[in-house]
Structure formats: structure tokens, C-alpha cells
Amino acid sequence: MLKIQEIREIIKLIDSSSIDEFSLNEEGTKLKLKKNAGQVVVAEAPKAVAQAVAPVAAPAAAPAPKTEAAPAAPKAEAAPAPKAEVAADANLHKIVSPMVGTFYQSPSPDADVFVKVGDKVGEETVVCIVEAMKLFNEIEAEVTGEIVEILVKDGELVEYGQPLFLVKEA
């Protein structure tokens, strides 16, 4: 059985290489990694490894959201009315998160944000980054239009399929 550190090393090696797909069958352990647009996805792993990964990853990620979530909660509750009005427009497209991770509006803390409300975007315009497992995944608009609303705050945890932006299609 593979140890957690060995799996992490394999992920790092694949991430830094030009390999797009990696499979390993060893003593009843099956591991398949596939890189999609800079994202490494664990497709299949034995139950023992999956259980070992979860407790290690959860404590590392849990403290940061608790400190950020406490001040962010009142802000999120203060703004539902404008979102309801904007969402009523039938021409709005939702840009959703393709994965669970941390939302970032800029490539680094001292850099300008990718997009602001009112900015025009094309299909390949990078609108944000979602960090998952120390990998920074650029999220593209996939639609041509104008950013109407940013639905999440910088540094906030996002879920798979969670709307991030509302775009008025051109």
C-alpha cells in the first residue's frame, strides 16, 4: 500500500512534468492520476489510502476557513437582496466552480484582480483561480459578455458547481 507522502510526491512529479496521465497497480493498490488544464484528479484509489488522505487534508484546511468564515458570514448575509434582483434577469450566465477549493480573484496577493464588475470578458478570459491541493487552476469565463456580479469573496472556500460570477451574455 502506498503511503500518503508517496502519493503526494507522485502528484508533485506529475504536476511538474509533461505527463498528462499516470496509472499504478501495486499489490492491490490502484492509483490513476490525470492532469486536465493544470488540475490533477485522483480517479481511483484504494479505500485505505482514501481514508488516510481525508484526515490529513481536513485538519490542514479546516483552521484557515474558520478564521476567514467568521468575519465573512455577516457580509454574506447583508447582500442577498441585490443578488435576487440580478438573478431575475434571464440573460445571465453563471460561471461555476469546476471543483472544491479556495477562490482567488488575483494571481497573487499584490496583483490586480482578474476581473471586476462591469468588465467585458471573452470565452478564454481568465476570471479567477481556484486552488485545490496546492494547485492553482485558472477558471475561464467560457462565455462572451460583461461581469454583472461576483458572488464569492477572495479567499473563500467554494464547492463544486457553486456559482462564482454572473455574466450578461453579449
C-alpha atoms as a PDB file:
ATOM      1  CA  MET A   1       0.000   0.000   0.000  1.00  0.00           C
ATOM      2  CA  LEU A   2       1.230   3.497  -0.812  1.00  0.00           C
ATOM      3  CA  LYS A   3       1.893   5.957   1.957  1.00  0.00           C
ATOM      4  CA  ILE A   4       0.390   9.447   1.901  1.00  0.00           C
ATOM      5  CA  GLN A   5       3.804  11.054   1.387  1.00  0.00           C
ATOM      6  CA  GLU A   6       4.489   8.784  -1.598  1.00  0.00           C
ATOM      7  CA  ILE A   7       1.184   9.778  -3.209  1.00  0.00           C
ATOM      8  CA  ARG A   8       1.968  13.468  -2.643  1.00  0.00           C
ATOM      9  CA  GLU A   9       5.401  13.032  -4.241  1.00  0.00           C
ATOM     10  CA  ILE A  10       3.848  11.312  -7.262  1.00  0.00           C
ATOM     11  CA  ILE A  11       1.347  14.172  -7.641  1.00  0.00           C
ATOM     12  CA  LYS A  12       4.153  16.763  -7.447  1.00  0.00           C
ATOM     13  CA  LEU A  13       6.245  14.901 -10.033  1.00  0.00           C
ATOM     14  CA  ILE A  14       3.339  14.589 -12.453  1.00  0.00           C
ATOM     15  CA  ASP A  15       2.372  18.228 -11.941  1.00  0.00           C
ATOM     16  CA  SER A  16       5.882  19.421 -12.819  1.00  0.00           C
ATOM     17  CA  SER A  17       6.205  17.092 -15.827  1.00  0.00           C
ATOM     18  CA  SER A  18       4.577  16.995 -19.243  1.00  0.00           C
ATOM     19  CA  ILE A  19       2.809  13.704 -18.411  1.00  0.00           C
ATOM     20  CA  ASP A  20      -0.975  14.001 -18.760  1.00  0.00           C
ATOM     21  CA  GLU A  21      -1.982  10.628 -17.312  1.00  0.00           C
ATOM     22  CA  PHE A  22      -0.421   8.187 -14.822  1.00  0.00           C
ATOM     23  CA  SER A  23      -1.618   4.744 -13.666  1.00  0.00           C
ATOM     24  CA  LEU A  24      -0.150   2.499 -10.971  1.00  0.00           C
ATOM     25  CA  ASN A  25      -1.197  -1.006  -9.910  1.00  0.00           C
ATOM     26  CA  GLU A  26       0.833  -2.281  -6.977  1.00  0.00           C
ATOM     27  CA  GLU A  27      -0.082  -5.019  -4.520  1.00  0.00           C
ATOM     28  CA  GLY A  28      -3.835  -4.437  -4.715  1.00  0.00           C
ATOM     29  CA  THR A  29      -3.480  -0.640  -4.779  1.00  0.00           C
ATOM     30  CA  LYS A  30      -4.799   1.133  -7.872  1.00  0.00           C
ATOM     31  CA  LEU A  31      -3.898   4.761  -8.425  1.00  0.00           C
ATOM     32  CA  LYS A  32      -4.802   6.724 -11.538  1.00  0.00           C
ATOM     33  CA  LEU A  33      -3.938  10.405 -11.928  1.00  0.00           C
ATOM     34  CA  LYS A  34      -4.975  12.522 -14.860  1.00  0.00           C
ATOM     35  CA  LYS A  35      -3.968  16.120 -15.485  1.00  0.00           C
ATOM     36  CA  ASN A  36      -6.659  18.358 -17.057  1.00  0.00           C
ATOM     37  CA  ALA A  37      -5.709  22.003 -17.678  1.00  0.00           C
ATOM     38  CA  GLY A  38      -3.272  22.028 -14.791  1.00  0.00           C
ATOM     39  CA  GLN A  39      -5.556  20.068 -12.474  1.00  0.00           C
ATOM     40  CA  VAL A  40      -4.579  16.673 -11.083  1.00  0.00           C
ATOM     41  CA  VAL A  41      -7.556  14.437 -10.395  1.00  0.00           C
ATOM     42  CA  VAL A  42      -7.361  11.222  -8.372  1.00  0.00           C
ATOM     43  CA  ALA A  43      -9.694   8.929 -10.273  1.00  0.00           C
ATOM     44  CA  GLU A  44      -9.344   5.699  -8.312  1.00  0.00           C
ATOM     45  CA  ALA A  45      -7.583   4.788  -5.078  1.00  0.00           C
ATOM     46  CA  PRO A  46      -7.949   2.013  -2.517  1.00  0.00           C
ATOM     47  CA  LYS A  47     -10.256   2.652   0.432  1.00  0.00           C
ATOM     48  CA  ALA A  48      -7.420   2.551   2.970  1.00  0.00           C
ATOM     49  CA  VAL A  49      -5.498   5.297   1.158  1.00  0.00           C
ATOM     50  CA  ALA A  50      -8.622   7.403   0.653  1.00  0.00           C
ATOM     51  CA  GLN A  51      -9.408   7.181   4.367  1.00  0.00           C
ATOM     52  CA  ALA A  52      -5.830   8.089   5.262  1.00  0.00           C
ATOM     53  CA  VAL A  53      -5.811  11.115   2.928  1.00  0.00           C
ATOM     54  CA  ALA A  54      -9.030  12.627   4.266  1.00  0.00           C
ATOM     55  CA  PRO A  55      -7.933  13.054   7.904  1.00  0.00           C
ATOM     56  CA  VAL A  56      -4.601  14.545   6.828  1.00  0.00           C
ATOM     57  CA  ALA A  57      -6.154  17.032   4.383  1.00  0.00           C
ATOM     58  CA  ALA A  58      -9.089  18.086   6.577  1.00  0.00           C
ATOM     59  CA  PRO A  59      -7.155  19.403   9.606  1.00  0.00           C
ATOM     60  CA  ALA A  60      -4.775  21.384   7.380  1.00  0.00           C
ATOM     61  CA  ALA A  61      -7.627  23.072   5.537  1.00  0.00           C
ATOM     62  CA  ALA A  62     -10.007  23.468   8.475  1.00  0.00           C
ATOM     63  CA  PRO A  63      -8.247  26.190  10.539  1.00  0.00           C
ATOM     64  CA  ALA A  64      -7.946  28.724   7.695  1.00  0.00           C
ATOM     65  CA  PRO A  65     -11.665  28.749   6.721  1.00  0.00           C
ATOM     66  CA  LYS A  66     -12.762  29.100  10.346  1.00  0.00           C
ATOM     67  CA  THR A  67     -10.789  32.319  10.770  1.00  0.00           C
ATOM     68  CA  GLU A  68     -11.926  33.651   7.397  1.00  0.00           C
ATOM     69  CA  ALA A  69     -15.513  32.407   7.622  1.00  0.00           C
ATOM     70  CA  ALA A  70     -16.316  34.196  10.885  1.00  0.00           C
ATOM     71  CA  PRO A  71     -15.872  37.746   9.501  1.00  0.00           C
ATOM     72  CA  ALA A  72     -17.235  36.787   6.068  1.00  0.00           C
ATOM     73  CA  ALA A  73     -20.555  35.425   7.378  1.00  0.00           C
ATOM     74  CA  PRO A  74     -22.091  38.800   8.316  1.00  0.00           C
ATOM     75  CA  LYS A  75     -21.051  40.265   4.957  1.00  0.00           C
ATOM     76  CA  ALA A  76     -22.689  37.397   3.064  1.00  0.00           C
ATOM     77  CA  GLU A  77     -25.945  37.855   4.966  1.00  0.00           C
ATOM     78  CA  ALA A  78     -26.008  41.582   4.269  1.00  0.00           C
ATOM     79  CA  ALA A  79     -26.128  41.252   0.471  1.00  0.00           C
ATOM     80  CA  PRO A  80     -28.788  38.717  -0.602  1.00  0.00           C
ATOM     81  CA  ALA A  81     -31.276  41.308  -1.871  1.00  0.00           C
ATOM     82  CA  PRO A  82     -29.168  42.603  -4.821  1.00  0.00           C
ATOM     83  CA  LYS A  83     -28.314  39.028  -5.853  1.00  0.00           C
ATOM     84  CA  ALA A  84     -32.006  38.141  -6.056  1.00  0.00           C
ATOM     85  CA  GLU A  85     -32.688  41.145  -8.297  1.00  0.00           C
ATOM     86  CA  VAL A  86     -29.753  40.431 -10.620  1.00  0.00           C
ATOM     87  CA  ALA A  87     -30.565  36.706 -10.819  1.00  0.00           C
ATOM     88  CA  ALA A  88     -34.046  37.556 -12.136  1.00  0.00           C
ATOM     89  CA  ASP A  89     -32.507  38.610 -15.488  1.00  0.00           C
ATOM     90  CA  ALA A  90     -32.883  35.663 -17.889  1.00  0.00           C
ATOM     91  CA  ASN A  91     -29.832  36.676 -19.974  1.00  0.00           C
ATOM     92  CA  LEU A  92     -27.359  35.990 -17.152  1.00  0.00           C
ATOM     93  CA  HIS A  93     -24.898  33.134 -17.373  1.00  0.00           C
ATOM     94  CA  LYS A  94     -23.422  31.634 -14.190  1.00  0.00           C
ATOM     95  CA  ILE A  95     -19.721  30.840 -14.161  1.00  0.00           C
ATOM     96  CA  VAL A  96     -19.492  27.934 -11.710  1.00  0.00           C
ATOM     97  CA  SER A  97     -16.589  26.346  -9.872  1.00  0.00           C
ATOM     98  CA  PRO A  98     -15.436  23.125 -11.557  1.00  0.00           C
ATOM     99  CA  MET A  99     -14.012  21.841  -8.247  1.00  0.00           C
ATOM    100  CA  VAL A 100     -13.855  22.235  -4.496  1.00  0.00           C
ATOM    101  CA  GLY A 101     -11.162  24.694  -3.466  1.00  0.00           C
ATOM    102  CA  THR A 102     -10.266  28.228  -2.444  1.00  0.00           C
ATOM    103  CA  PHE A 103     -11.377  31.134  -4.655  1.00  0.00           C
ATOM    104  CA  TYR A 104      -8.850  33.853  -5.523  1.00  0.00           C
ATOM    105  CA  GLN A 105      -9.626  36.961  -7.579  1.00  0.00           C
ATOM    106  CA  SER A 106      -5.985  37.665  -8.475  1.00  0.00           C
ATOM    107  CA  PRO A 107      -2.896  35.630  -9.369  1.00  0.00           C
ATOM    108  CA  SER A 108      -1.087  36.845  -6.230  1.00  0.00           C
ATOM    109  CA  PRO A 109      -1.985  38.947  -3.169  1.00  0.00           C
ATOM    110  CA  ASP A 110      -0.230  42.068  -4.524  1.00  0.00           C
ATOM    111  CA  ALA A 111      -1.542  41.740  -8.118  1.00  0.00           C
ATOM    112  CA  ASP A 112      -4.660  43.308  -9.637  1.00  0.00           C
ATOM    113  CA  VAL A 113      -7.844  41.219  -9.787  1.00  0.00           C
ATOM    114  CA  PHE A 114      -8.555  39.276 -12.982  1.00  0.00           C
ATOM    115  CA  VAL A 115     -11.986  40.888 -13.491  1.00  0.00           C
ATOM    116  CA  LYS A 116     -14.243  43.453 -11.806  1.00  0.00           C
ATOM    117  CA  VAL A 117     -17.953  44.130 -12.116  1.00  0.00           C
ATOM    118  CA  GLY A 118     -18.511  45.825 -15.476  1.00  0.00           C
ATOM    119  CA  ASP A 119     -15.504  44.205 -17.214  1.00  0.00           C
ATOM    120  CA  LYS A 120     -16.017  42.638 -20.638  1.00  0.00           C
ATOM    121  CA  VAL A 121     -14.914  39.004 -20.915  1.00  0.00           C
ATOM    122  CA  GLY A 122     -14.385  36.553 -23.760  1.00  0.00           C
ATOM    123  CA  GLU A 123     -14.689  32.785 -23.727  1.00  0.00           C
ATOM    124  CA  GLU A 124     -10.999  32.301 -22.841  1.00  0.00           C
ATOM    125  CA  THR A 125     -10.710  35.197 -20.369  1.00  0.00           C
ATOM    126  CA  VAL A 126      -9.352  34.016 -17.005  1.00  0.00           C
ATOM    127  CA  VAL A 127     -11.768  35.296 -14.340  1.00  0.00           C
ATOM    128  CA  CYS A 128     -10.282  33.733 -11.191  1.00  0.00           C
ATOM    129  CA  ILE A 129      -8.183  30.961  -9.700  1.00  0.00           C
ATOM    130  CA  VAL A 130      -9.463  28.043  -7.627  1.00  0.00           C
ATOM    131  CA  GLU A 131      -6.754  26.414  -5.526  1.00  0.00           C
ATOM    132  CA  ALA A 132      -7.158  22.706  -4.876  1.00  0.00           C
ATOM    133  CA  MET A 133      -4.452  20.550  -3.292  1.00  0.00           C
ATOM    134  CA  LYS A 134      -1.808  23.279  -3.735  1.00  0.00           C
ATOM    135  CA  LEU A 135      -2.600  23.507  -7.466  1.00  0.00           C
ATOM    136  CA  PHE A 136      -3.804  26.843  -8.804  1.00  0.00           C
ATOM    137  CA  ASN A 137      -6.423  26.254 -11.503  1.00  0.00           C
ATOM    138  CA  GLU A 138      -7.303  29.166 -13.790  1.00  0.00           C
ATOM    139  CA  ILE A 139     -11.044  29.409 -14.404  1.00  0.00           C
ATOM    140  CA  GLU A 140     -12.112  30.811 -17.771  1.00  0.00           C
ATOM    141  CA  ALA A 141     -15.361  32.658 -18.498  1.00  0.00           C
ATOM    142  CA  GLU A 142     -16.422  30.232 -21.273  1.00  0.00           C
ATOM    143  CA  VAL A 143     -18.896  32.886 -22.428  1.00  0.00           C
ATOM    144  CA  THR A 144     -18.648  36.329 -24.041  1.00  0.00           C
ATOM    145  CA  GLY A 145     -20.260  39.152 -22.097  1.00  0.00           C
ATOM    146  CA  GLU A 146     -19.990  41.538 -19.155  1.00  0.00           C
ATOM    147  CA  ILE A 147     -19.381  40.652 -15.488  1.00  0.00           C
ATOM    148  CA  VAL A 148     -22.532  41.684 -13.603  1.00  0.00           C
ATOM    149  CA  GLU A 149     -21.745  40.313 -10.165  1.00  0.00           C
ATOM    150  CA  ILE A 150     -19.024  38.481  -8.254  1.00  0.00           C
ATOM    151  CA  LEU A 151     -20.802  36.024  -5.959  1.00  0.00           C
ATOM    152  CA  VAL A 152     -17.919  34.969  -3.684  1.00  0.00           C
ATOM    153  CA  LYS A 153     -15.243  36.774  -1.683  1.00  0.00           C
ATOM    154  CA  ASP A 154     -11.492  36.457  -2.198  1.00  0.00           C
ATOM    155  CA  GLY A 155     -10.073  33.572  -0.142  1.00  0.00           C
ATOM    156  CA  GLU A 156     -13.489  31.946   0.355  1.00  0.00           C
ATOM    157  CA  LEU A 157     -13.938  28.181   0.063  1.00  0.00           C
ATOM    158  CA  VAL A 158     -16.088  27.143  -2.897  1.00  0.00           C
ATOM    159  CA  GLU A 159     -17.862  23.891  -3.714  1.00  0.00           C
ATOM    160  CA  TYR A 160     -18.142  22.006  -6.988  1.00  0.00           C
ATOM    161  CA  GLY A 161     -20.837  23.649  -9.127  1.00  0.00           C
ATOM    162  CA  GLN A 162     -21.106  26.743  -6.897  1.00  0.00           C
ATOM    163  CA  PRO A 163     -21.800  29.921  -8.922  1.00  0.00           C
ATOM    164  CA  LEU A 164     -18.846  32.330  -8.827  1.00  0.00           C
ATOM    165  CA  PHE A 165     -19.844  35.058 -11.294  1.00  0.00           C
ATOM    166  CA  LEU A 166     -22.920  36.286 -13.126  1.00  0.00           C
ATOM    167  CA  VAL A 167     -22.255  37.354 -16.728  1.00  0.00           C
ATOM    168  CA  LYS A 168     -24.628  39.224 -19.022  1.00  0.00           C
ATOM    169  CA  GLU A 169     -24.124  37.496 -22.339  1.00  0.00           C
ATOM    170  CA  ALA A 170     -23.372  39.652 -25.356  1.00  0.00           C
END
